[in-house]
Amino acid sequence: MLGMTANLPMTVPMDGMPDRITIYEVGPRDGLQNEKSVVPTEVKAEFVQRLVGAGLETVETTSFVPPSWIPQLSDAPDLLQQLADTGHGPKRPVLVPNERGLDNALAAGVGAIAIFGSATETFAQKNLNRSVAESVEMFTPVVRRAREAGLWVRAYVSMCFGDPWEGPVPVEQVVDVCARLMDLGCDQLSIGDTIGVGTVGHVAKLLESLDAQGIPASKTAVHFHDTYGQALSNTLTALRHGVTVVDASTGGLGGCPYARSATGNLATEDLVWACRGLGIETGVDLDALVGTSLWMAEQLGRPSPSAVVRALGGA
């Protein structure tokens, strides 16, 4: 039953793990973007507020993409207005695809943005209607202007481990794209396993290769989808290689509207449970988080896919 400490794992630390990690919560943006029915703005606002209340200090709230791209996120300005009292500065990033998106984000008073590139040419065309090189060119003024405005900037790179159209993606190709985006002046890189095909050896190899390119684990976050049940094991491997920022989605919500094989993200509850067992501090109240997932599952009309939510919440 929710809140029973007898159900919590015994803490047994492991060598090589960090003392603390930052969870970069993507539920309100990446988690909801693929929902077929539009979630009311007030529900999204309460979702963010509940997440903040549970101790999640970094919550990616929405995206300033054209409404025709992702109708679910067309209420971005209204959502941020409703969240004005909770703040949406450096710890409330929003996704922007281009300069027009940046203009809208700046008008909304955000303090942090994220751009999203692709490690493969096919997904770059499907997601942004541009080649990889053209995408980098498009992002160049976005990052420059954002930094001039004092914003914190993150760079997402999708399809870092496999692409449904191109198959396995060479590590060298991924590193090259990551380096080009980070060279624009981004503060943080998030490497994404968009279709969830990565495994622990692949994760270790990519992180080592990024470090050799001058992109250390201290500037790298990981973003794993759980299509094949590998998201948590891949994340723990990344932690052992020095990563301390992990993208996760409360309740395991998520997917990608341009890649049908991309299922849910790593569930934040599952990550917090594993970290508690390892003695890794997250700052998250697990009971409050599970309660939030159960609430959101009611809003969406289906149970949460998170194993921890099902176990603790009786879902």
C-alpha atoms as a PDB file:
ATOM      1  CA  MET A   1       0.000   0.000   0.000  1.00  0.00           C
ATOM      2  CA  LEU A   2       1.144   3.525  -0.792  1.00  0.00           C
ATOM      3  CA  GLY A   3       3.220   5.049   2.002  1.00  0.00           C
ATOM      4  CA  MET A   4       4.145   1.820   3.812  1.00  0.00           C
ATOM      5  CA  THR A   5       7.871   2.052   4.565  1.00  0.00           C
ATOM      6  CA  ALA A   6       8.044  -1.720   4.883  1.00  0.00           C
ATOM      7  CA  ASN A   7       7.784  -1.796   1.094  1.00  0.00           C
ATOM      8  CA  LEU A   8      10.858   0.382   0.584  1.00  0.00           C
ATOM      9  CA  PRO A   9      14.095  -1.243  -0.575  1.00  0.00           C
ATOM     10  CA  MET A  10      17.001  -1.768   1.769  1.00  0.00           C
ATOM     11  CA  THR A  11      19.806   0.674   1.015  1.00  0.00           C
ATOM     12  CA  VAL A  12      22.926  -1.083  -0.241  1.00  0.00           C
ATOM     13  CA  PRO A  13      25.375   1.286  -2.002  1.00  0.00           C
ATOM     14  CA  MET A  14      27.600   0.196  -4.877  1.00  0.00           C
ATOM     15  CA  ASP A  15      31.080   1.449  -5.698  1.00  0.00           C
ATOM     16  CA  GLY A  16      31.282   3.853  -8.616  1.00  0.00           C
ATOM     17  CA  MET A  17      27.847   5.346  -8.181  1.00  0.00           C
ATOM     18  CA  PRO A  18      27.208   9.071  -7.542  1.00  0.00           C
ATOM     19  CA  ASP A  19      25.969  10.318  -4.188  1.00  0.00           C
ATOM     20  CA  ARG A  20      23.230  12.357  -5.830  1.00  0.00           C
ATOM     21  CA  ILE A  21      21.616  12.761  -9.243  1.00  0.00           C
ATOM     22  CA  THR A  22      19.366  15.339 -10.855  1.00  0.00           C
ATOM     23  CA  ILE A  23      16.190  14.008 -12.410  1.00  0.00           C
ATOM     24  CA  TYR A  24      15.207  16.006 -15.478  1.00  0.00           C
ATOM     25  CA  GLU A  25      11.460  15.385 -15.532  1.00  0.00           C
ATOM     26  CA  VAL A  26      10.003  15.272 -19.047  1.00  0.00           C
ATOM     27  CA  GLY A  27       6.484  14.040 -18.280  1.00  0.00           C
ATOM     28  CA  PRO A  28       4.567  17.251 -19.049  1.00  0.00           C
ATOM     29  CA  ARG A  29       6.261  17.664 -22.427  1.00  0.00           C
ATOM     30  CA  ASP A  30       7.655  14.367 -23.753  1.00  0.00           C
ATOM     31  CA  GLY A  31       5.254  12.327 -21.681  1.00  0.00           C
ATOM     32  CA  LEU A  32       2.077  13.985 -22.955  1.00  0.00           C
ATOM     33  CA  GLN A  33       3.036  15.005 -26.492  1.00  0.00           C
ATOM     34  CA  ASN A  34       1.921  11.714 -28.033  1.00  0.00           C
ATOM     35  CA  GLU A  35      -1.473  11.544 -26.295  1.00  0.00           C
ATOM     36  CA  LYS A  36      -4.240  11.316 -28.888  1.00  0.00           C
ATOM     37  CA  SER A  37      -6.816  13.201 -26.826  1.00  0.00           C
ATOM     38  CA  VAL A  38      -5.924  16.751 -25.841  1.00  0.00           C
ATOM     39  CA  VAL A  39      -5.196  17.104 -22.121  1.00  0.00           C
ATOM     40  CA  PRO A  40      -6.778  20.294 -20.700  1.00  0.00           C
ATOM     41  CA  THR A  41      -4.339  23.067 -19.888  1.00  0.00           C
ATOM     42  CA  GLU A  42      -5.439  23.202 -16.266  1.00  0.00           C
ATOM     43  CA  VAL A  43      -4.674  19.474 -15.898  1.00  0.00           C
ATOM     44  CA  LYS A  44      -1.199  20.016 -17.338  1.00  0.00           C
ATOM     45  CA  ALA A  45      -0.644  22.905 -14.937  1.00  0.00           C
ATOM     46  CA  GLU A  46      -1.699  20.816 -11.956  1.00  0.00           C
ATOM     47  CA  PHE A  47       0.557  18.006 -13.193  1.00  0.00           C
ATOM     48  CA  VAL A  48       3.570  20.330 -13.175  1.00  0.00           C
ATOM     49  CA  GLN A  49       2.639  21.733  -9.774  1.00  0.00           C
ATOM     50  CA  ARG A  50       2.299  18.242  -8.325  1.00  0.00           C
ATOM     51  CA  LEU A  51       5.691  17.256  -9.747  1.00  0.00           C
ATOM     52  CA  VAL A  52       7.348  20.309  -8.250  1.00  0.00           C
ATOM     53  CA  GLY A  53       5.631  19.567  -4.948  1.00  0.00           C
ATOM     54  CA  ALA A  54       7.048  16.033  -5.028  1.00  0.00           C
ATOM     55  CA  GLY A  55      10.563  17.451  -5.116  1.00  0.00           C
ATOM     56  CA  LEU A  56      11.367  17.456  -8.823  1.00  0.00           C
ATOM     57  CA  GLU A  57      13.400  20.619  -9.269  1.00  0.00           C
ATOM     58  CA  THR A  58      13.779  20.416 -13.058  1.00  0.00           C
ATOM     59  CA  VAL A  59      10.561  19.957 -15.031  1.00  0.00           C
ATOM     60  CA  GLU A  60      10.393  20.428 -18.792  1.00  0.00           C
ATOM     61  CA  THR A  61       6.961  21.957 -19.138  1.00  0.00           C
ATOM     62  CA  THR A  62       6.057  22.267 -22.816  1.00  0.00           C
ATOM     63  CA  SER A  63       7.240  23.002 -26.349  1.00  0.00           C
ATOM     64  CA  PHE A  64       6.913  26.025 -28.627  1.00  0.00           C
ATOM     65  CA  VAL A  65       6.502  24.032 -31.821  1.00  0.00           C
ATOM     66  CA  PRO A  66       3.889  24.940 -34.443  1.00  0.00           C
ATOM     67  CA  PRO A  67       0.425  23.675 -33.371  1.00  0.00           C
ATOM     68  CA  SER A  68       0.167  21.686 -36.603  1.00  0.00           C
ATOM     69  CA  TRP A  69       3.222  19.652 -35.538  1.00  0.00           C
ATOM     70  CA  ILE A  70       2.039  18.643 -32.096  1.00  0.00           C
ATOM     71  CA  PRO A  71      -1.509  19.876 -31.326  1.00  0.00           C
ATOM     72  CA  GLN A  72      -1.212  18.591 -27.750  1.00  0.00           C
ATOM     73  CA  LEU A  73       1.296  21.340 -26.956  1.00  0.00           C
ATOM     74  CA  SER A  74      -0.419  24.234 -28.729  1.00  0.00           C
ATOM     75  CA  ASP A  75      -1.410  25.722 -25.367  1.00  0.00           C
ATOM     76  CA  ALA A  76       2.193  26.480 -24.337  1.00  0.00           C
ATOM     77  CA  PRO A  77       1.678  30.237 -23.668  1.00  0.00           C
ATOM     78  CA  ASP A  78      -1.483  29.605 -21.645  1.00  0.00           C
ATOM     79  CA  LEU A  79       0.171  26.830 -19.656  1.00  0.00           C
ATOM     80  CA  LEU A  80       3.146  28.988 -18.729  1.00  0.00           C
ATOM     81  CA  GLN A  81       0.795  31.779 -17.727  1.00  0.00           C
ATOM     82  CA  GLN A  82      -1.022  29.413 -15.380  1.00  0.00           C
ATOM     83  CA  LEU A  83       2.332  28.317 -13.950  1.00  0.00           C
ATOM     84  CA  ALA A  84       3.574  31.856 -13.334  1.00  0.00           C
ATOM     85  CA  ASP A  85       3.296  31.467  -9.567  1.00  0.00           C
ATOM     86  CA  THR A  86       5.467  28.332  -9.557  1.00  0.00           C
ATOM     87  CA  GLY A  87       8.143  29.934 -11.717  1.00  0.00           C
ATOM     88  CA  HIS A  88       9.492  28.729 -15.048  1.00  0.00           C
ATOM     89  CA  GLY A  89      13.083  29.946 -14.929  1.00  0.00           C
ATOM     90  CA  PRO A  90      16.249  27.898 -15.256  1.00  0.00           C
ATOM     91  CA  LYS A  91      14.531  24.800 -13.848  1.00  0.00           C
ATOM     92  CA  ARG A  92      11.458  24.980 -16.100  1.00  0.00           C
ATOM     93  CA  PRO A  93      12.874  24.495 -19.603  1.00  0.00           C
ATOM     94  CA  VAL A  94      10.785  24.468 -22.779  1.00  0.00           C
ATOM     95  CA  LEU A  95      11.547  22.945 -26.165  1.00  0.00           C
ATOM     96  CA  VAL A  96      12.013  25.255 -29.171  1.00  0.00           C
ATOM     97  CA  PRO A  97      12.571  24.157 -32.799  1.00  0.00           C
ATOM     98  CA  ASN A  98      13.640  27.431 -34.413  1.00  0.00           C
ATOM     99  CA  GLU A  99      13.909  31.204 -33.993  1.00  0.00           C
ATOM    100  CA  ARG A 100      10.150  31.715 -34.087  1.00  0.00           C
ATOM    101  CA  GLY A 101       9.822  29.211 -31.256  1.00  0.00           C
ATOM    102  CA  LEU A 102      12.541  31.072 -29.369  1.00  0.00           C
ATOM    103  CA  ASP A 103      10.697  34.373 -29.878  1.00  0.00           C
ATOM    104  CA  ASN A 104       7.574  32.871 -28.339  1.00  0.00           C
ATOM    105  CA  ALA A 105       9.551  31.363 -25.459  1.00  0.00           C
ATOM    106  CA  LEU A 106      11.250  34.678 -24.717  1.00  0.00           C
ATOM    107  CA  ALA A 107       7.889  36.444 -24.803  1.00  0.00           C
ATOM    108  CA  ALA A 108       6.663  33.953 -22.200  1.00  0.00           C
ATOM    109  CA  GLY A 109       9.621  34.793 -19.967  1.00  0.00           C
ATOM    110  CA  VAL A 110      11.283  31.389 -19.853  1.00  0.00           C
ATOM    111  CA  GLY A 111      14.761  30.990 -18.397  1.00  0.00           C
ATOM    112  CA  ALA A 112      15.831  27.817 -20.189  1.00  0.00           C
ATOM    113  CA  ILE A 113      15.294  26.175 -23.553  1.00  0.00           C
ATOM    114  CA  ALA A 114      16.104  22.919 -25.275  1.00  0.00           C
ATOM    115  CA  ILE A 115      16.788  22.322 -28.959  1.00  0.00           C
ATOM    116  CA  PHE A 116      16.350  18.885 -30.505  1.00  0.00           C
ATOM    117  CA  GLY A 117      18.552  17.423 -33.202  1.00  0.00           C
ATOM    118  CA  SER A 118      18.929  13.980 -34.715  1.00  0.00           C
ATOM    119  CA  ALA A 119      21.870  11.623 -35.112  1.00  0.00           C
ATOM    120  CA  THR A 120      20.397  10.303 -38.374  1.00  0.00           C
ATOM    121  CA  GLU A 121      19.450  11.947 -41.645  1.00  0.00           C
ATOM    122  CA  THR A 122      16.113  10.149 -41.991  1.00  0.00           C
ATOM    123  CA  PHE A 123      14.784  11.225 -38.609  1.00  0.00           C
ATOM    124  CA  ALA A 124      16.097  14.755 -39.119  1.00  0.00           C
ATOM    125  CA  GLN A 125      13.962  14.976 -42.237  1.00  0.00           C
ATOM    126  CA  LYS A 126      10.892  13.437 -40.587  1.00  0.00           C
ATOM    127  CA  ASN A 127      11.175  15.466 -37.383  1.00  0.00           C
ATOM    128  CA  LEU A 128      12.444  18.820 -38.664  1.00  0.00           C
ATOM    129  CA  ASN A 129      12.101  18.564 -42.460  1.00  0.00           C
ATOM    130  CA  ARG A 130      15.822  19.281 -42.757  1.00  0.00           C
ATOM    131  CA  SER A 131      19.098  17.445 -43.083  1.00  0.00           C
ATOM    132  CA  VAL A 132      21.357  17.137 -40.059  1.00  0.00           C
ATOM    133  CA  ALA A 133      23.585  19.915 -41.398  1.00  0.00           C
ATOM    134  CA  GLU A 134      20.599  22.164 -42.117  1.00  0.00           C
ATOM    135  CA  SER A 135      19.293  21.498 -38.601  1.00  0.00           C
ATOM    136  CA  VAL A 136      22.566  22.618 -37.049  1.00  0.00           C
ATOM    137  CA  GLU A 137      22.457  25.739 -39.223  1.00  0.00           C
ATOM    138  CA  MET A 138      18.895  26.425 -38.047  1.00  0.00           C
ATOM    139  CA  PHE A 139      19.863  26.020 -34.393  1.00  0.00           C
ATOM    140  CA  THR A 140      22.930  28.279 -34.608  1.00  0.00           C
ATOM    141  CA  PRO A 141      21.101  31.624 -34.194  1.00  0.00           C
ATOM    142  CA  VAL A 142      18.688  30.054 -31.692  1.00  0.00           C
ATOM    143  CA  VAL A 143      21.500  29.114 -29.325  1.00  0.00           C
ATOM    144  CA  ARG A 144      23.374  32.379 -29.885  1.00  0.00           C
ATOM    145  CA  ARG A 145      20.324  34.532 -29.148  1.00  0.00           C
ATOM    146  CA  ALA A 146      19.294  32.395 -26.193  1.00  0.00           C
ATOM    147  CA  ARG A 147      22.721  32.715 -24.614  1.00  0.00           C
ATOM    148  CA  GLU A 148      22.770  36.469 -25.259  1.00  0.00           C
ATOM    149  CA  ALA A 149      19.438  36.636 -23.414  1.00  0.00           C
ATOM    150  CA  GLY A 150      20.953  34.769 -20.462  1.00  0.00           C
ATOM    151  CA  LEU A 151      19.074  31.522 -21.024  1.00  0.00           C
ATOM    152  CA  TRP A 152      20.364  28.057 -20.139  1.00  0.00           C
ATOM    153  CA  VAL A 153      20.430  25.839 -23.237  1.00  0.00           C
ATOM    154  CA  ARG A 154      20.181  22.067 -23.578  1.00  0.00           C
ATOM    155  CA  ALA A 155      20.762  20.067 -26.780  1.00  0.00           C
ATOM    156  CA  TYR A 156      18.804  16.868 -27.336  1.00  0.00           C
ATOM    157  CA  VAL A 157      20.097  14.369 -29.866  1.00  0.00           C
ATOM    158  CA  SER A 158      17.602  11.676 -30.898  1.00  0.00           C
ATOM    159  CA  MET A 159      18.237   8.231 -32.401  1.00  0.00           C
ATOM    160  CA  CYS A 160      21.608   7.857 -30.689  1.00  0.00           C
ATOM    161  CA  PHE A 161      21.388   4.071 -30.447  1.00  0.00           C
ATOM    162  CA  GLY A 162      19.194   2.987 -33.322  1.00  0.00           C
ATOM    163  CA  ASP A 163      16.851   4.339 -35.973  1.00  0.00           C
ATOM    164  CA  PRO A 164      13.710   2.519 -37.221  1.00  0.00           C
ATOM    165  CA  TRP A 165      14.543   3.458 -40.815  1.00  0.00           C
ATOM    166  CA  GLU A 166      18.352   3.293 -40.819  1.00  0.00           C
ATOM    167  CA  GLY A 167      18.991   0.576 -38.230  1.00  0.00           C
ATOM    168  CA  PRO A 168      21.961   0.687 -35.817  1.00  0.00           C
ATOM    169  CA  VAL A 169      23.615   4.103 -35.688  1.00  0.00           C
ATOM    170  CA  PRO A 170      27.450   4.173 -35.649  1.00  0.00           C
ATOM    171  CA  VAL A 171      28.864   5.651 -32.458  1.00  0.00           C
ATOM    172  CA  GLU A 172      31.169   7.930 -34.461  1.00  0.00           C
ATOM    173  CA  GLN A 173      28.174   9.404 -36.297  1.00  0.00           C
ATOM    174  CA  VAL A 174      26.400  10.142 -33.016  1.00  0.00           C
ATOM    175  CA  VAL A 175      29.483  11.757 -31.493  1.00  0.00           C
ATOM    176  CA  ASP A 176      29.921  13.976 -34.546  1.00  0.00           C
ATOM    177  CA  VAL A 177      26.372  15.337 -34.347  1.00  0.00           C
ATOM    178  CA  CYS A 178      26.620  15.811 -30.581  1.00  0.00           C
ATOM    179  CA  ALA A 179      29.868  17.732 -30.963  1.00  0.00           C
ATOM    180  CA  ARG A 180      28.406  20.018 -33.633  1.00  0.00           C
ATOM    181  CA  LEU A 181      25.481  20.948 -31.387  1.00  0.00           C
ATOM    182  CA  MET A 182      27.591  21.421 -28.275  1.00  0.00           C
ATOM    183  CA  ASP A 183      30.005  23.591 -30.253  1.00  0.00           C
ATOM    184  CA  LEU A 184      27.136  26.060 -30.699  1.00  0.00           C
ATOM    185  CA  GLY A 185      27.438  26.887 -27.009  1.00  0.00           C
ATOM    186  CA  CYS A 186      24.904  24.576 -25.346  1.00  0.00           C
ATOM    187  CA  ASP A 187      25.226  23.965 -21.618  1.00  0.00           C
ATOM    188  CA  GLN A 188      24.092  20.352 -21.577  1.00  0.00           C
ATOM    189  CA  LEU A 189      23.727  17.417 -23.962  1.00  0.00           C
ATOM    190  CA  SER A 190      20.984  14.795 -23.665  1.00  0.00           C
ATOM    191  CA  ILE A 191      21.591  11.605 -25.635  1.00  0.00           C
ATOM    192  CA  GLY A 192      18.350   9.866 -26.540  1.00  0.00           C
ATOM    193  CA  ASP A 193      17.534   6.229 -27.185  1.00  0.00           C
ATOM    194  CA  THR A 194      14.353   7.207 -28.978  1.00  0.00           C
ATOM    195  CA  ILE A 195      13.228   3.672 -29.854  1.00  0.00           C
ATOM    196  CA  GLY A 196      14.693   1.942 -26.814  1.00  0.00           C
ATOM    197  CA  VAL A 197      17.095  -0.455 -28.551  1.00  0.00           C
ATOM    198  CA  GLY A 198      20.244   0.441 -26.591  1.00  0.00           C
ATOM    199  CA  THR A 199      21.987  -1.970 -24.238  1.00  0.00           C
ATOM    200  CA  VAL A 200      24.555  -1.440 -21.497  1.00  0.00           C
ATOM    201  CA  GLY A 201      27.687  -2.039 -23.560  1.00  0.00           C
ATOM    202  CA  HIS A 202      26.487   0.373 -26.217  1.00  0.00           C
ATOM    203  CA  VAL A 203      25.767   3.003 -23.554  1.00  0.00           C
ATOM    204  CA  ALA A 204      29.260   2.656 -22.076  1.00  0.00           C
ATOM    205  CA  LYS A 205      30.906   2.884 -25.504  1.00  0.00           C
ATOM    206  CA  LEU A 206      29.008   6.033 -26.484  1.00  0.00           C
ATOM    207  CA  LEU A 207      29.754   7.806 -23.206  1.00  0.00           C
ATOM    208  CA  GLU A 208      33.430   6.920 -23.463  1.00  0.00           C
ATOM    209  CA  SER A 209      33.523   8.175 -27.047  1.00  0.00           C
ATOM    210  CA  LEU A 210      31.811  11.441 -26.115  1.00  0.00           C
ATOM    211  CA  ASP A 211      34.333  11.981 -23.337  1.00  0.00           C
ATOM    212  CA  ALA A 212      37.187  11.376 -25.774  1.00  0.00           C
ATOM    213  CA  GLN A 213      35.640  14.045 -28.025  1.00  0.00           C
ATOM    214  CA  GLY A 214      35.687  16.549 -25.158  1.00  0.00           C
ATOM    215  CA  ILE A 215      32.083  16.150 -24.017  1.00  0.00           C
ATOM    216  CA  PRO A 216      32.424  14.854 -20.454  1.00  0.00           C
ATOM    217  CA  ALA A 217      29.802  12.977 -18.458  1.00  0.00           C
ATOM    218  CA  SER A 218      29.407  16.097 -16.306  1.00  0.00           C
ATOM    219  CA  LYS A 219      27.778  17.818 -19.305  1.00  0.00           C
ATOM    220  CA  THR A 220      25.830  14.785 -20.506  1.00  0.00           C
ATOM    221  CA  ALA A 221      22.353  13.557 -19.610  1.00  0.00           C
ATOM    222  CA  VAL A 222      20.749  10.299 -20.706  1.00  0.00           C
ATOM    223  CA  HIS A 223      17.231   9.824 -22.078  1.00  0.00           C
ATOM    224  CA  PHE A 224      16.145   6.206 -22.406  1.00  0.00           C
ATOM    225  CA  HIS A 225      12.895   4.754 -23.676  1.00  0.00           C
ATOM    226  CA  ASP A 226      11.797   1.410 -22.269  1.00  0.00           C
ATOM    227  CA  THR A 227      10.636  -0.344 -25.434  1.00  0.00           C
ATOM    228  CA  TYR A 228      12.661  -3.477 -24.671  1.00  0.00           C
ATOM    229  CA  GLY A 229      12.839  -3.087 -20.893  1.00  0.00           C
ATOM    230  CA  GLN A 230      16.404  -1.754 -20.947  1.00  0.00           C
ATOM    231  CA  ALA A 231      15.899   1.830 -19.787  1.00  0.00           C
ATOM    232  CA  LEU A 232      16.745   1.364 -16.105  1.00  0.00           C
ATOM    233  CA  SER A 233      19.759  -0.902 -16.662  1.00  0.00           C
ATOM    234  CA  ASN A 234      21.079   1.501 -19.294  1.00  0.00           C
ATOM    235  CA  THR A 235      20.618   4.396 -16.879  1.00  0.00           C
ATOM    236  CA  LEU A 236      22.507   2.657 -14.068  1.00  0.00           C
ATOM    237  CA  THR A 237      25.346   1.972 -16.509  1.00  0.00           C
ATOM    238  CA  ALA A 238      25.424   5.669 -17.374  1.00  0.00           C
ATOM    239  CA  LEU A 239      25.607   6.576 -13.668  1.00  0.00           C
ATOM    240  CA  ARG A 240      28.605   4.301 -13.245  1.00  0.00           C
ATOM    241  CA  HIS A 241      30.248   6.208 -16.101  1.00  0.00           C
ATOM    242  CA  GLY A 242      29.863   9.570 -14.385  1.00  0.00           C
ATOM    243  CA  VAL A 243      26.471  10.807 -15.614  1.00  0.00           C
ATOM    244  CA  THR A 244      24.459  12.592 -12.913  1.00  0.00           C
ATOM    245  CA  VAL A 245      21.499  13.958 -14.925  1.00  0.00           C
ATOM    246  CA  VAL A 246      18.799  11.505 -15.980  1.00  0.00           C
ATOM    247  CA  ASP A 247      15.714  12.230 -18.061  1.00  0.00           C
ATOM    248  CA  ALA A 248      12.610  10.423 -16.810  1.00  0.00           C
ATOM    249  CA  SER A 249       8.852  10.689 -17.110  1.00  0.00           C
ATOM    250  CA  THR A 250       6.491  10.277 -14.190  1.00  0.00           C
ATOM    251  CA  GLY A 251       4.339   7.206 -14.708  1.00  0.00           C
ATOM    252  CA  GLY A 252       6.469   6.117 -17.673  1.00  0.00           C
ATOM    253  CA  LEU A 253       4.442   8.325 -20.006  1.00  0.00           C
ATOM    254  CA  GLY A 254       5.798   9.180 -23.400  1.00  0.00           C
ATOM    255  CA  GLY A 255       6.625   8.398 -26.967  1.00  0.00           C
ATOM    256  CA  CYS A 256       7.522  10.195 -30.138  1.00  0.00           C
ATOM    257  CA  PRO A 257       4.905  11.275 -32.696  1.00  0.00           C
ATOM    258  CA  TYR A 258       7.397  10.775 -35.541  1.00  0.00           C
ATOM    259  CA  ALA A 259       8.674   7.303 -34.542  1.00  0.00           C
ATOM    260  CA  ARG A 260       5.931   4.764 -33.924  1.00  0.00           C
ATOM    261  CA  SER A 261       8.320   2.292 -32.299  1.00  0.00           C
ATOM    262  CA  ALA A 262       9.167   4.809 -29.551  1.00  0.00           C
ATOM    263  CA  THR A 263       7.235   3.758 -26.471  1.00  0.00           C
ATOM    264  CA  GLY A 264       7.282   5.197 -22.973  1.00  0.00           C
ATOM    265  CA  ASN A 265      10.179   6.847 -21.209  1.00  0.00           C
ATOM    266  CA  LEU A 266      11.968   5.527 -18.159  1.00  0.00           C
ATOM    267  CA  ALA A 267       9.447   5.910 -15.333  1.00  0.00           C
ATOM    268  CA  THR A 268      10.588   8.444 -12.756  1.00  0.00           C
ATOM    269  CA  GLU A 269       9.237   6.256  -9.936  1.00  0.00           C
ATOM    270  CA  ASP A 270      11.270   3.266 -11.102  1.00  0.00           C
ATOM    271  CA  LEU A 271      14.389   5.425 -11.196  1.00  0.00           C
ATOM    272  CA  VAL A 272      13.750   6.847  -7.722  1.00  0.00           C
ATOM    273  CA  TRP A 273      13.173   3.343  -6.302  1.00  0.00           C
ATOM    274  CA  ALA A 274      16.468   2.071  -7.748  1.00  0.00           C
ATOM    275  CA  CYS A 275      18.340   5.132  -6.503  1.00  0.00           C
ATOM    276  CA  ARG A 276      16.888   4.736  -3.009  1.00  0.00           C
ATOM    277  CA  GLY A 277      18.167   1.170  -2.911  1.00  0.00           C
ATOM    278  CA  LEU A 278      21.613   2.366  -3.958  1.00  0.00           C
ATOM    279  CA  GLY A 279      21.689   5.248  -1.479  1.00  0.00           C
ATOM    280  CA  ILE A 280      21.648   7.829  -4.276  1.00  0.00           C
ATOM    281  CA  GLU A 281      19.844  11.026  -3.275  1.00  0.00           C
ATOM    282  CA  THR A 282      17.236  12.370  -5.704  1.00  0.00           C
ATOM    283  CA  GLY A 283      15.331  14.831  -3.497  1.00  0.00           C
ATOM    284  CA  VAL A 284      12.054  13.225  -4.569  1.00  0.00           C
ATOM    285  CA  ASP A 285       9.182  12.199  -2.295  1.00  0.00           C
ATOM    286  CA  LEU A 286       8.282   8.798  -3.740  1.00  0.00           C
ATOM    287  CA  ASP A 287       4.840   8.670  -2.113  1.00  0.00           C
ATOM    288  CA  ALA A 288       3.905  12.058  -3.564  1.00  0.00           C
ATOM    289  CA  LEU A 289       5.238  11.022  -6.961  1.00  0.00           C
ATOM    290  CA  VAL A 290       3.268   7.772  -7.022  1.00  0.00           C
ATOM    291  CA  GLY A 291       0.184   9.704  -5.954  1.00  0.00           C
ATOM    292  CA  THR A 292       0.747  12.069  -8.866  1.00  0.00           C
ATOM    293  CA  SER A 293       1.025   9.171 -11.306  1.00  0.00           C
ATOM    294  CA  LEU A 294      -2.183   7.616 -10.019  1.00  0.00           C
ATOM    295  CA  TRP A 295      -3.913  10.973 -10.405  1.00  0.00           C
ATOM    296  CA  MET A 296      -2.626  11.439 -13.953  1.00  0.00           C
ATOM    297  CA  ALA A 297      -3.605   7.882 -14.870  1.00  0.00           C
ATOM    298  CA  GLU A 298      -7.161   8.808 -13.892  1.00  0.00           C
ATOM    299  CA  GLN A 299      -7.012  11.889 -16.117  1.00  0.00           C
ATOM    300  CA  LEU A 300      -5.819   9.798 -19.067  1.00  0.00           C
ATOM    301  CA  GLY A 301      -8.179   6.907 -18.402  1.00  0.00           C
ATOM    302  CA  ARG A 302      -5.605   4.144 -18.233  1.00  0.00           C
ATOM    303  CA  PRO A 303      -3.213   2.640 -15.653  1.00  0.00           C
ATOM    304  CA  SER A 304       0.385   3.720 -15.327  1.00  0.00           C
ATOM    305  CA  PRO A 305       2.963   1.425 -16.982  1.00  0.00           C
ATOM    306  CA  SER A 306       5.413   2.046 -14.111  1.00  0.00           C
ATOM    307  CA  ALA A 307       6.139  -1.120 -12.126  1.00  0.00           C
ATOM    308  CA  VAL A 308       6.725   0.899  -8.950  1.00  0.00           C
ATOM    309  CA  VAL A 309       3.422   2.741  -9.331  1.00  0.00           C
ATOM    310  CA  ARG A 310       1.600  -0.566  -9.744  1.00  0.00           C
ATOM    311  CA  ALA A 311       3.351  -2.053  -6.713  1.00  0.00           C
ATOM    312  CA  LEU A 312       2.997   0.868  -4.310  1.00  0.00           C
ATOM    313  CA  GLY A 313      -0.258   2.269  -5.565  1.00  0.00           C
ATOM    314  CA  GLY A 314      -2.146  -0.941  -6.045  1.00  0.00           C
ATOM    315  CA  ALA A 315      -2.777   0.005  -9.661  1.00  0.00           C
END
